[in-house]
Structures are given as C-alpha cells and as structure tokens.
Protein backbone atom coordinates (compact mmCIF):
# COMPACT_ATOMS: atom_id res chain seq x y z
CA UNK A 1 23.48 -34.81 30.28
CA UNK A 2 22.57 -34.77 26.82
CA UNK A 3 24.89 -37.06 25.10
CA UNK A 4 23.47 -34.92 21.30
CA UNK A 5 24.99 -32.08 23.03
CA UNK A 6 28.58 -33.91 23.68
CA UNK A 7 28.66 -35.37 20.29
CA UNK A 8 28.14 -32.01 18.60
CA UNK A 9 31.09 -30.38 20.90
CA UNK A 10 33.03 -33.47 20.43
CA UNK A 11 33.47 -32.88 16.37
CA UNK A 12 34.36 -29.34 16.73
CA UNK A 13 36.62 -30.12 19.26
CA UNK A 14 38.35 -32.86 17.34
CA UNK A 15 38.76 -30.60 14.11
CA UNK A 16 40.81 -28.30 16.06
CA UNK A 17 42.67 -30.59 18.39
CA UNK A 18 43.60 -32.10 14.94
CA UNK A 19 44.96 -28.97 13.17
CA UNK A 20 46.44 -28.00 16.33
CA UNK A 21 48.53 -31.32 16.03
CA UNK A 22 48.16 -32.34 19.97
CA UNK A 23 45.83 -34.19 21.78
CA UNK A 24 44.17 -31.12 23.65
CA UNK A 25 40.54 -30.73 24.08
CA UNK A 26 38.32 -28.03 25.25
CA UNK A 27 35.75 -26.86 23.39
CA UNK A 28 33.82 -29.94 23.74
CA UNK A 29 34.13 -29.62 27.82
CA UNK A 30 33.30 -26.21 27.26
CA UNK A 31 29.97 -26.42 25.50
CA UNK A 32 28.51 -29.53 27.11
CA UNK A 33 25.83 -29.23 29.50
CA UNK A 34 27.99 -30.68 32.40
CA UNK A 35 30.51 -28.08 31.61
CA UNK A 36 28.02 -24.98 31.69
CA UNK A 37 29.32 -23.82 34.76
CA UNK A 38 32.88 -25.06 35.07
CA UNK A 39 35.37 -23.36 36.50
CA UNK A 40 38.84 -22.75 35.58
CA UNK A 41 41.90 -23.29 37.49
CA UNK A 42 44.87 -20.46 36.19
CA UNK A 43 47.70 -22.36 37.96
CA UNK A 44 48.90 -24.98 38.60
CA UNK A 45 47.95 -27.98 40.54
CA UNK A 46 48.10 -27.26 43.99
CA UNK A 47 48.81 -29.61 46.97
CA UNK A 48 46.17 -31.87 48.06
CA UNK A 49 43.55 -30.61 50.58
CA UNK A 50 40.53 -32.68 51.99
CA UNK A 51 37.31 -31.90 51.57
CA UNK A 52 36.86 -30.30 55.00
CA UNK A 53 39.54 -27.95 54.34
CA UNK A 54 38.09 -26.85 51.43
CA UNK A 55 35.33 -25.54 53.32
CA UNK A 56 32.85 -27.15 50.83
CA UNK A 57 34.39 -26.51 47.82
CA UNK A 58 34.72 -29.04 45.49
CA UNK A 59 37.94 -31.01 45.63
CA UNK A 60 38.64 -31.41 41.99
CA UNK A 61 39.13 -27.54 41.67
CA UNK A 62 42.49 -28.26 42.98
CA UNK A 63 43.46 -30.13 39.40
CA UNK A 64 41.04 -28.34 37.18
CA UNK A 65 43.31 -28.10 34.02
CA UNK A 66 45.23 -29.76 31.14
CA UNK A 67 47.44 -32.80 31.34
CA UNK A 68 49.58 -34.86 29.19
CA UNK A 69 51.24 -38.05 29.19
CA UNK A 70 54.64 -38.11 30.63
CA UNK A 71 55.68 -40.79 28.39
CA UNK A 72 55.39 -38.96 24.92
CA UNK A 73 52.50 -40.59 23.77
CA UNK A 74 49.99 -37.73 22.50
CA UNK A 75 47.29 -38.61 25.25
CA UNK A 76 46.01 -35.42 26.68
CA UNK A 77 43.62 -34.97 29.06
CA UNK A 78 41.17 -31.97 30.42
CA UNK A 79 39.49 -31.87 33.83
CA UNK A 80 36.82 -29.22 34.62
CA UNK A 81 34.77 -29.06 37.75
CA UNK A 82 30.56 -28.89 37.71
CA UNK A 83 28.42 -27.41 39.75
CA UNK A 84 28.14 -30.31 42.07
CA UNK A 85 30.44 -30.49 44.82
CA UNK A 86 31.86 -33.31 44.02
CA UNK A 87 31.24 -33.55 40.06
CA UNK A 88 34.02 -33.94 37.45
CA UNK A 89 33.92 -33.36 33.81
CA UNK A 90 36.73 -35.24 31.93
CA UNK A 91 38.05 -35.12 28.39
CA UNK A 92 40.53 -37.63 27.20
CA UNK A 93 42.11 -37.12 23.60
CA UNK A 94 44.64 -39.39 21.55
CA UNK A 95 45.17 -38.27 17.74
CA UNK A 96 46.35 -41.11 15.36
CA UNK A 97 47.66 -40.34 11.56
CA UNK A 98 44.56 -39.93 9.98
CA UNK A 99 41.49 -39.67 13.09
CA UNK A 100 41.42 -39.04 16.63
CA UNK A 101 39.67 -40.51 19.73
CA UNK A 102 38.20 -38.56 22.17
CA UNK A 103 36.45 -40.05 25.74
CA UNK A 104 33.81 -37.66 27.14
CA UNK A 105 33.59 -38.46 31.03
CA UNK A 106 31.49 -36.99 33.65
CA UNK A 107 32.39 -38.59 36.89
CA UNK A 108 32.75 -37.64 41.12
CA UNK A 109 35.73 -37.45 42.72
CA UNK A 110 36.36 -38.65 46.38
CA UNK A 111 39.34 -39.27 48.48
CA UNK A 112 41.23 -38.18 45.14
CA UNK A 113 39.72 -40.79 43.06
CA UNK A 114 37.70 -39.81 40.17
CA UNK A 115 34.87 -42.75 39.69
CA UNK A 116 32.86 -42.79 36.27
CA UNK A 117 30.22 -44.51 34.54
CA UNK A 118 28.65 -43.99 30.70
CA UNK A 119 31.60 -42.51 29.54
CA UNK A 120 31.41 -41.66 25.93
CA UNK A 121 33.82 -43.09 23.09
CA UNK A 122 33.66 -41.04 19.52
CA UNK A 123 36.24 -41.77 16.53
CA UNK A 124 36.42 -39.35 14.09
CA UNK A 125 37.92 -39.17 10.78
CA UNK A 126 38.56 -36.34 8.49
CA UNK A 127 35.79 -36.02 5.62
CA UNK A 128 36.12 -32.53 3.66
CA UNK A 129 32.49 -33.18 2.06
CA UNK A 130 31.46 -33.54 5.84
CA UNK A 131 29.71 -30.10 7.41
CA UNK A 132 32.26 -29.67 9.81
CA UNK A 133 35.00 -31.74 8.22
CA UNK A 134 34.92 -34.74 9.81
CA UNK A 135 33.03 -38.18 10.10
CA UNK A 136 31.89 -39.24 13.58
CA UNK A 137 31.53 -42.79 15.03
CA UNK A 138 30.17 -43.40 18.51
CA UNK A 139 32.17 -46.09 19.61
CA UNK A 140 30.25 -46.84 23.05
CA UNK A 141 28.57 -45.28 25.32
CA UNK A 142 28.68 -47.07 28.59
CA UNK A 143 32.48 -46.83 29.71
CA UNK A 144 33.33 -47.10 33.61
CA UNK A 145 36.78 -46.67 34.96
CA UNK A 146 38.78 -44.64 37.65
CA UNK A 147 41.04 -41.71 37.68
CA UNK A 148 43.49 -41.74 40.30
CA UNK A 149 45.65 -38.52 41.60
CA UNK A 150 48.72 -39.04 43.53
CA UNK A 151 49.89 -36.28 46.04
CA UNK A 152 52.11 -35.05 43.55
CA UNK A 153 49.37 -34.10 41.16
CA UNK A 154 49.94 -37.02 38.58
CA UNK A 155 47.17 -38.73 37.22
CA UNK A 156 46.93 -42.84 36.22
CA UNK A 157 43.75 -43.63 33.98
CA UNK A 158 42.15 -47.37 35.27
CA UNK A 159 40.09 -47.87 31.90
CA UNK A 160 37.54 -50.99 32.32
CA UNK A 161 36.21 -50.83 28.95
CA UNK A 162 39.56 -51.17 26.62
CA UNK A 163 42.21 -50.98 29.26
CA UNK A 164 43.29 -47.91 27.39
CA UNK A 165 44.85 -46.10 29.97
CA UNK A 166 47.21 -48.77 30.99
CA UNK A 167 50.78 -47.28 31.54
CA UNK A 168 49.53 -44.01 31.24
CA UNK A 169 50.78 -41.16 33.57
CA UNK A 170 49.32 -38.05 32.87
CA UNK A 171 51.29 -34.97 34.30
CA UNK A 172 50.35 -31.05 34.29
CA UNK A 173 51.17 -29.38 30.71
CA UNK A 174 51.43 -25.66 31.07
CA UNK A 175 51.39 -24.95 27.53
CA UNK A 176 48.75 -27.36 26.81
CA UNK A 177 46.72 -25.33 29.32
CA UNK A 178 47.20 -22.22 27.49
CA UNK A 179 46.25 -23.42 24.13
CA UNK A 180 42.95 -24.92 25.85
CA UNK A 181 42.31 -21.28 27.08
CA UNK A 182 42.92 -19.89 23.77
CA UNK A 183 40.79 -22.09 22.00
CA UNK A 184 37.88 -21.47 24.98
CA UNK A 185 38.02 -17.82 24.90
CA UNK A 186 38.08 -17.84 20.73
CA UNK A 187 34.84 -19.78 20.74
CA UNK A 188 33.37 -17.39 23.58
CA UNK A 189 34.03 -14.44 21.45
CA UNK A 190 32.14 -15.89 18.77
CA UNK A 191 29.37 -17.26 20.49
CA UNK A 192 29.19 -13.55 22.03
CA UNK A 193 29.55 -12.24 18.62
CA UNK A 194 26.95 -14.48 17.33
CA UNK A 195 24.35 -13.66 19.98
CA UNK A 196 24.89 -9.81 19.69
CA UNK A 197 24.21 -10.28 15.78
CA UNK A 198 20.98 -11.97 16.00
CA UNK A 199 19.50 -9.81 18.84
CA UNK A 200 20.48 -6.69 16.03
CA UNK A 201 18.56 -8.60 13.33
CA UNK A 202 15.42 -8.75 16.40
CA UNK A 203 15.60 -4.45 15.61
CA UNK A 204 15.88 -4.23 11.90
CA UNK A 205 12.84 -2.44 10.21
CA UNK A 206 11.02 0.84 9.56
CA UNK A 207 10.68 3.32 12.52
CA UNK A 208 8.62 6.36 13.03
CA UNK A 209 8.67 8.97 15.78
CA UNK A 210 5.85 8.31 17.99
CA UNK A 211 4.79 11.92 18.24
CA UNK A 212 5.78 13.03 14.63
CA UNK A 213 4.97 11.30 11.55
CA UNK A 214 7.30 12.99 9.44
CA UNK A 215 10.50 11.50 11.42
CA UNK A 216 11.16 8.25 10.49
CA UNK A 217 13.91 5.61 10.93
CA UNK A 218 15.07 2.62 9.37
CA UNK A 219 17.54 0.01 10.99
CA UNK A 220 19.54 -2.27 8.99
CA UNK A 221 21.33 -5.23 10.76
CA UNK A 222 24.23 -6.63 9.45
CA UNK A 223 23.22 -10.67 8.77
CA UNK A 224 26.66 -11.76 9.92
CA UNK A 225 27.90 -9.14 12.32
CA UNK A 226 26.86 -6.76 15.23
CA UNK A 227 26.92 -3.60 13.11
CA UNK A 228 23.59 -1.88 12.95
CA UNK A 229 23.23 1.40 9.86
CA UNK A 230 20.91 3.72 10.98
CA UNK A 231 18.80 6.05 8.51
CA UNK A 232 16.66 9.16 9.70
CA UNK A 233 14.86 11.17 7.76
CA UNK A 234 12.44 14.34 8.53
CA UNK A 235 10.05 15.19 5.97
CA UNK A 236 10.11 19.55 5.10
CA UNK A 237 8.08 21.29 2.59
CA UNK A 238 7.43 20.08 -0.43
CA UNK A 239 10.11 18.03 -1.72
CA UNK A 240 12.42 18.90 0.67
CA UNK A 241 14.02 16.74 3.54
CA UNK A 242 16.49 16.32 6.12
CA UNK A 243 18.77 12.76 6.39
CA UNK A 244 21.08 11.38 9.21
CA UNK A 245 23.18 8.12 8.54
CA UNK A 246 25.31 6.50 11.09
CA UNK A 247 26.51 2.81 11.70
CA UNK A 248 27.69 1.26 15.34
CA UNK A 249 27.83 -2.14 17.05
CA UNK A 250 24.63 -3.79 18.83
CA UNK A 251 25.35 -4.42 22.50
CA UNK A 252 23.23 -7.04 23.66
CA UNK A 253 24.23 -6.49 27.40
CA UNK A 254 23.19 -2.88 27.21
CA UNK A 255 20.60 -2.93 24.44
CA UNK A 256 22.59 0.24 23.07
CA UNK A 257 24.67 1.40 19.71
CA UNK A 258 27.05 4.09 19.78
CA UNK A 259 28.27 5.88 16.78
CA UNK A 260 30.76 8.40 16.22
CA UNK A 261 30.48 8.41 11.98
CA UNK A 262 27.31 10.01 11.51
CA UNK A 263 26.47 12.02 8.19
CA UNK A 264 23.86 14.70 8.30
CA UNK A 265 22.38 15.96 5.00
CA UNK A 266 19.98 18.00 3.49
CA UNK A 267 18.11 16.46 0.52
CA UNK A 268 15.35 17.12 -2.43
CA UNK A 269 13.19 13.68 -2.99
CA UNK A 270 11.22 13.19 -5.77
CA UNK A 271 7.63 11.70 -5.98
CA UNK A 272 8.87 8.24 -5.83
CA UNK A 273 11.32 8.82 -2.63
CA UNK A 274 14.42 8.42 -4.97
CA UNK A 275 17.12 11.43 -3.46
CA UNK A 276 17.52 13.76 -6.47
CA UNK A 277 19.98 16.12 -4.93
CA UNK A 278 21.88 16.44 -1.54
CA UNK A 279 24.45 18.71 0.32
CA UNK A 280 26.43 17.88 3.60
CA UNK A 281 25.45 19.55 6.21
CA UNK A 282 28.08 18.04 8.54
CA UNK A 283 29.98 14.33 9.39
CA UNK A 284 31.35 12.63 12.26
CA UNK A 285 28.62 13.30 14.43
CA UNK A 286 28.55 11.01 17.72
CA UNK A 287 25.64 9.73 19.73
CA UNK A 288 23.66 6.60 20.73
CA UNK A 289 20.47 4.79 20.15
CA UNK A 290 18.80 3.06 23.44
CA UNK A 291 16.43 -0.04 22.76
CA UNK A 292 13.84 -0.60 25.44
CA UNK A 293 13.26 -4.17 24.63
CA UNK A 294 9.90 -4.27 27.16
CA UNK A 295 8.04 -1.08 25.25
CA UNK A 296 9.76 -2.18 22.02
CA UNK A 297 11.11 1.68 21.52
CA UNK A 298 14.10 3.31 20.37
CA UNK A 299 15.29 6.11 21.71
CA UNK A 300 18.11 8.85 20.11
CA UNK A 301 20.69 10.43 21.97
CA UNK A 302 22.25 12.97 19.51
CA UNK A 303 25.64 14.80 20.51
CA UNK A 304 25.90 17.13 18.13
CA UNK A 305 22.71 19.24 17.85
CA UNK A 306 20.17 17.16 20.56
CA UNK A 307 17.99 16.41 17.33
CA UNK A 308 16.64 12.77 19.30
CA UNK A 309 15.62 15.29 21.95
CA UNK A 310 12.09 14.09 22.99
CA UNK A 311 12.30 11.64 20.10
CA UNK A 312 10.67 8.02 20.68
CA UNK A 313 10.78 5.86 17.74
CA UNK A 314 8.22 2.76 17.47
CA UNK A 315 8.29 -0.09 14.92
CA UNK A 316 6.31 1.46 11.87
CA UNK A 317 3.90 -1.89 10.82
CA UNK A 318 2.13 0.38 8.28
CA UNK A 319 5.30 1.43 6.33
CA UNK A 320 4.54 -1.00 3.80
CA UNK A 321 0.66 -0.98 3.68
CA UNK A 322 -1.40 1.76 1.52
CA UNK A 323 -1.26 4.66 -0.01
CA UNK A 324 0.14 3.40 -3.27
CA UNK A 325 3.52 3.26 -4.99
CA UNK A 326 6.56 4.77 -3.74
CA UNK A 327 8.33 5.58 -1.04
CA UNK A 328 6.33 3.48 1.39
CA UNK A 329 6.42 0.73 -1.11
CA UNK A 330 3.92 -1.92 -2.34
CA UNK A 331 0.81 -1.52 -4.75
CA UNK A 332 -2.54 -1.26 -3.17
CA UNK A 333 -4.48 -4.01 -2.84
CA UNK A 334 -8.20 -4.56 -2.68
CA UNK A 335 -9.86 -6.68 -0.10
CA UNK A 336 -12.36 -8.65 -1.21
CA UNK A 337 -15.52 -7.12 -1.91
CA UNK A 338 -14.12 -3.94 -1.84
CA UNK A 339 -14.33 -0.84 -4.60
CA UNK A 340 -11.36 0.56 -4.82
CA UNK A 341 -12.31 3.87 -6.51
CA UNK A 342 -15.83 5.47 -7.58
CA UNK A 343 -16.40 5.80 -11.08
CA UNK A 344 -15.18 8.23 -12.90
CA UNK A 345 -18.23 8.78 -15.30
CA UNK A 346 -21.76 8.55 -14.67
CA UNK A 347 -23.59 6.32 -17.04
CA UNK A 348 -26.08 8.33 -19.11
CA UNK A 349 -29.65 7.93 -18.47
CA UNK A 350 -31.02 7.30 -22.34
CA UNK A 351 -28.22 4.28 -21.93
CA UNK A 352 -29.75 2.38 -19.43
CA UNK A 353 -32.66 -0.02 -20.71
CA UNK A 354 -35.36 -1.28 -18.46
CA UNK A 355 -36.45 -4.15 -20.13
CA UNK A 356 -38.59 -6.89 -18.49
CA UNK A 357 -38.01 -9.77 -21.11
CA UNK A 358 -34.92 -11.66 -21.12
CA UNK A 359 -34.17 -15.46 -22.32
CA UNK A 360 -32.50 -18.14 -20.37
CA UNK A 361 -32.21 -21.62 -21.65
CA UNK A 362 -34.02 -24.70 -19.93
CA UNK A 363 -32.95 -27.91 -18.96
CA UNK A 364 -32.44 -28.74 -22.61
CA UNK A 365 -30.66 -26.00 -22.97
CA UNK A 366 -32.89 -24.18 -25.36
CA UNK A 367 -33.60 -20.62 -24.90
CA UNK A 368 -36.80 -20.16 -24.17
CA UNK A 369 -38.63 -16.27 -24.24
CA UNK A 370 -39.46 -15.28 -20.61
CA UNK A 371 -42.21 -12.91 -20.03
CA UNK A 372 -43.80 -11.21 -16.71
C-alpha cells in the first residue's frame, strides 16, 4: 500500500467531511490502493458468521459500512473489505472546531477482531491558499491496535499509540453510510467524466477520408468535458462545398459518439478557406461516429442521408504542411539547401563577365592582384 496515495486521498476526504459537518469519510478509503477492489454492503451488519459458514468469503463483509460513536463524540468509522481473504481497510475520522484528524488503517480480521500495524494518522487544518484548501501534517505512520466486533455488531477500538479509542463504542449509522455512498458515487462520476474527456482529447485533430481527399473532418474535443464537435466538409466544383456540423458526448467504453443535432449546409468558400455564403439544407440530423483504437480510424454512420456510407476517416498528418497559405494553414518553409522556386528571369548573356583576374587580401590584409 503506497502511503503517498493514501495521504492525497485523505486530504480530499477531509475537506469534504469538514464541509459536511460530520466525521464521515469515504473518498480516502475509496481511492486508496488497499480499497481499489473493495466491496461495500448495502444493508446493516448481519449477525456473526464463522469463516467456514461464509464459504471462503472475507468475514469482514458482514460489517462493511459506516459507524459513529454511540456517545456522540463526533468520531466516525468506515470499514471496507479488500481483495485479500481476511484484509480490512478502516478509516477513523474526528473533526474538531478548526481541524480534522484521520486514521488510515489496513489490518486483518480473525475471530471478529481486526488487528493492525503501521496505521497512518494525519492532521488537517483549513488553508484557503493551499491547493486543496487544507494543510496536512503526518502525525505518525507506525500506529498499532485492534478493533473488536461484538455479537451485536458494536465495535470497540484499542489504540496502542495514543489510547485514542478509550471509551469509544461504534455503532452502525445508516444516515452516515448513505452520505458516504453519495460521496463515493459523486467521485466516481467525476472520475468517469475526466477519463472520458481525456479520451476524447486523444482524437482531436484533422482527418481525411481514406479514399476521397475532397472529404475531410475536424474533431474538436472540449478540454473540460467529454463533448466532441465534428466539422465535415466535402469540396465540390470551384468554391462550392457541403458542410456537416454536429456535437455529441464521447463514450470511452464503446468508443462512440452519438448525435442528434447535425446541421447540413451548402457553402461557398473563398481562396483562403473562409465561408462567404451559406444556406441550411437541414437541421436535427442524427447518427454516430465509431472510433477504432487499433487502426486509428473513425467511421461515420449518418441516419439522415447515409452520407457516411463507405467513409473511413484517417488522421491527416499533412493538414498543416505544404501548399502555402490558405485553408491548410501555415507557410511553406524551405528545407536546408532546398530551392523553393526557379529564377523567374534568365540573366542576359552579355551581363555575364568571365574574368580570370581577381583580388584578395594577403596575410597582412593587403590586396594583391592575382593573375593566372
């Protein structure tokens, strides 16, 4: 278990918990490495069962959830199972007036007792100027102790380091558990949205149909959302062209974008690629784009007119290179030793002077006449 991951998660959880005004946690445990594969029970703790009766299931699954001190001291406790057959991840939170203490604990359960070593205690204090709004202080990283679970699912904490758990009895807290679940779901939604946005950004750029250079596409992905804008252009004769514009949300699971807002236009384009006139052909077109990660291609399904039939877009690496200024963008840059253009005029023969005599300075800088 990497402690730097835990500390980062602790910080985010502490901010959320402080705002909620209770000692619950959840994001720290959810995001930590030990809880990546954790499963969370939906109901209240069940009656005690032995390891044999659970048919190999981690016995802590009977107690997964959120608890608070029955004495009302604002301590809270969250239990999660790990992928180990007896692994347990426990977080304890205790908010004060201006700061917040949190214990991050990985242990093992046997005979309804959770035993742990190397517990991490972190103290947080509000700091509006800090990146996450709080300052962190690692109090210690070598905490030891136990959590004993009674037959009526009450939990007592024996903290060897500071005797912090003296007199505390934790009981199931349904309201607190529901708040924790909301926090976990919100974080999961945010993580999914971030992943989708990042995946969409990977497909941004210019494309061209693999079999028709007159059909091109540009994908513009929003930097802070999963939405993609598609601009498709089919060049016609002269300055005429047809353009389709649509937007949709990128689905990183299926690698597709569906849309219902396509606008098709007939346009006139000037010599630098700007639209000088346009007329709408239709609005509200539907369809989808499918991305092939292995082949790095995009296929287009157009429900309105089947305009995407047989079309396969590939990334256009030459979009910003040669042909001069204009729609492709950029100026032609000469490579070293390359002549861009031939001379436009021949030099008259009579102006070409052949002279075997020329002058150059000697070692002392004196010009001498040299004659072959």
